Amino acid sequence: MIVSLVATGLFLFVLFVASVRKFTFLGLKVSVILFAAAGIFFVWNPDQMTRLAHLVGVGRGADLITYATTVILFLTVVGAIIRERRSGDVLTLLVRRLAIQQARFPEGEGGRG
């Protein structure tokens, strides 16, 4: 019972954060809200998770949760890597432009003189 209450509290917190936070992709916001709501449902109805697991070909509900969590974690890591790489590319471009703008040429070179 205590674990169910703690898990419900965490899912409610996720619902709150998702509802007040701005997302750049609306589909992500909707997905987070739906998964949190489903989480609350399955915390209080674990037999339904087992039934869902059987429908998708997994033996137990706990196994399905483990597989789903692994996939979500993998996608999150890949997304973070992509965002970091894009940020690095933008930073490189900005530094290059700044270096070109602030370049100093010796007398008689580079059109200045």
Protein backbone atom coordinates (compact mmCIF):
# COMPACT_ATOMS: atom_id res chain seq x y z
CA MET A 1 0.00 0.00 0.00
CA ILE A 2 2.83 2.43 0.84
CA VAL A 3 4.57 1.73 -2.48
CA SER A 4 1.30 2.34 -4.33
CA LEU A 5 0.85 5.67 -2.58
CA VAL A 6 4.43 6.75 -3.29
CA ALA A 7 4.17 5.70 -6.95
CA THR A 8 0.85 7.53 -7.29
CA GLY A 9 2.42 10.65 -5.78
CA LEU A 10 5.29 10.48 -8.25
CA PHE A 11 2.94 10.04 -11.19
CA LEU A 12 0.82 12.96 -9.97
CA PHE A 13 3.98 15.07 -9.75
CA VAL A 14 4.84 14.11 -13.35
CA LEU A 15 1.31 15.06 -14.42
CA PHE A 16 1.65 18.43 -12.71
CA VAL A 17 5.06 19.19 -14.23
CA ALA A 18 3.91 18.11 -17.70
CA SER A 19 0.81 20.29 -17.46
CA VAL A 20 2.68 23.48 -16.49
CA ARG A 21 5.88 23.01 -18.50
CA LYS A 22 6.14 24.21 -22.08
CA PHE A 23 7.13 21.53 -24.56
CA THR A 24 8.51 22.27 -28.01
CA PHE A 25 6.76 19.16 -29.30
CA LEU A 26 3.10 18.83 -28.29
CA GLY A 27 3.13 15.09 -28.92
CA LEU A 28 5.73 14.66 -26.18
CA LYS A 29 3.56 16.54 -23.67
CA VAL A 30 0.53 14.42 -24.54
CA SER A 31 2.61 11.22 -24.32
CA VAL A 32 3.98 12.12 -20.89
CA ILE A 33 0.50 12.91 -19.58
CA LEU A 34 -0.97 9.69 -21.01
CA PHE A 35 1.85 7.52 -19.64
CA ALA A 36 1.58 9.12 -16.20
CA ALA A 37 -2.19 8.59 -16.16
CA ALA A 38 -1.71 4.99 -17.30
CA GLY A 39 0.91 4.58 -14.57
CA ILE A 40 -1.60 5.62 -11.91
CA PHE A 41 -4.18 3.24 -13.37
CA PHE A 42 -1.77 0.28 -13.44
CA VAL A 43 -0.44 0.96 -9.93
CA TRP A 44 -3.93 0.43 -8.58
CA ASN A 45 -4.88 -2.31 -11.10
CA PRO A 46 -1.74 -4.48 -11.52
CA ASP A 47 -3.74 -7.39 -12.93
CA GLN A 48 -4.59 -5.23 -15.92
CA MET A 49 -0.88 -4.74 -16.60
CA THR A 50 -0.45 -8.52 -16.63
CA ARG A 51 -3.36 -8.83 -19.07
CA LEU A 52 -1.77 -6.19 -21.31
CA ALA A 53 1.56 -8.01 -21.11
CA HIS A 54 -0.08 -11.23 -22.25
CA LEU A 55 -1.70 -9.38 -25.16
CA VAL A 56 1.67 -8.20 -26.45
CA GLY A 57 3.38 -11.54 -25.84
CA VAL A 58 5.19 -10.90 -22.56
CA GLY A 59 4.78 -13.24 -19.61
CA ARG A 60 4.34 -10.78 -16.73
CA GLY A 61 3.34 -7.17 -16.26
CA ALA A 62 6.58 -6.46 -14.40
CA ASP A 63 8.57 -7.70 -17.42
CA LEU A 64 6.59 -5.43 -19.73
CA ILE A 65 7.34 -2.46 -17.48
CA THR A 66 11.04 -3.37 -17.51
CA TYR A 67 11.13 -3.61 -21.32
CA ALA A 68 9.18 -0.38 -21.78
CA THR A 69 11.41 1.46 -19.31
CA THR A 70 14.52 0.22 -21.10
CA VAL A 71 13.21 1.45 -24.46
CA ILE A 72 12.22 4.84 -23.00
CA LEU A 73 15.62 5.22 -21.33
CA PHE A 74 17.38 4.36 -24.58
CA LEU A 75 15.33 6.90 -26.54
CA THR A 76 16.00 9.54 -23.88
CA VAL A 77 19.76 8.96 -24.05
CA VAL A 78 19.74 9.07 -27.86
CA GLY A 79 17.72 12.30 -27.76
CA ALA A 80 20.16 13.85 -25.28
CA ILE A 81 23.11 12.89 -27.46
CA ILE A 82 21.46 14.44 -30.52
CA ARG A 83 20.64 17.66 -28.63
CA GLU A 84 24.20 17.88 -27.28
CA ARG A 85 25.67 17.40 -30.75
CA ARG A 86 23.39 20.10 -32.20
CA SER A 87 24.37 22.46 -29.40
CA GLY A 88 28.05 21.79 -30.12
CA ASP A 89 27.52 22.49 -33.82
CA VAL A 90 25.76 25.78 -33.07
CA LEU A 91 28.49 26.79 -30.63
CA THR A 92 31.18 26.01 -33.21
CA LEU A 93 29.38 28.13 -35.81
CA LEU A 94 29.01 31.04 -33.40
CA VAL A 95 32.67 30.91 -32.36
CA ARG A 96 33.78 30.84 -36.01
CA ARG A 97 31.62 33.84 -36.89
CA LEU A 98 32.86 35.75 -33.87
CA ALA A 99 36.47 34.95 -34.76
CA ILE A 100 35.95 36.19 -38.32
CA GLN A 101 34.27 39.40 -37.12
CA GLN A 102 37.04 40.17 -34.66
CA ALA A 103 39.96 39.11 -36.86
CA ARG A 104 42.87 41.56 -37.00
CA PHE A 105 45.00 41.67 -40.10
CA PRO A 106 48.61 42.88 -40.27
CA GLU A 107 49.20 46.17 -42.06
CA GLY A 108 48.73 45.87 -45.78
CA GLU A 109 46.84 42.50 -45.72
CA GLY A 110 43.21 41.53 -45.76
CA GLY A 111 41.91 44.69 -47.42
CA ARG A 112 42.72 46.92 -44.48
CA GLY A 113 45.63 49.10 -44.44
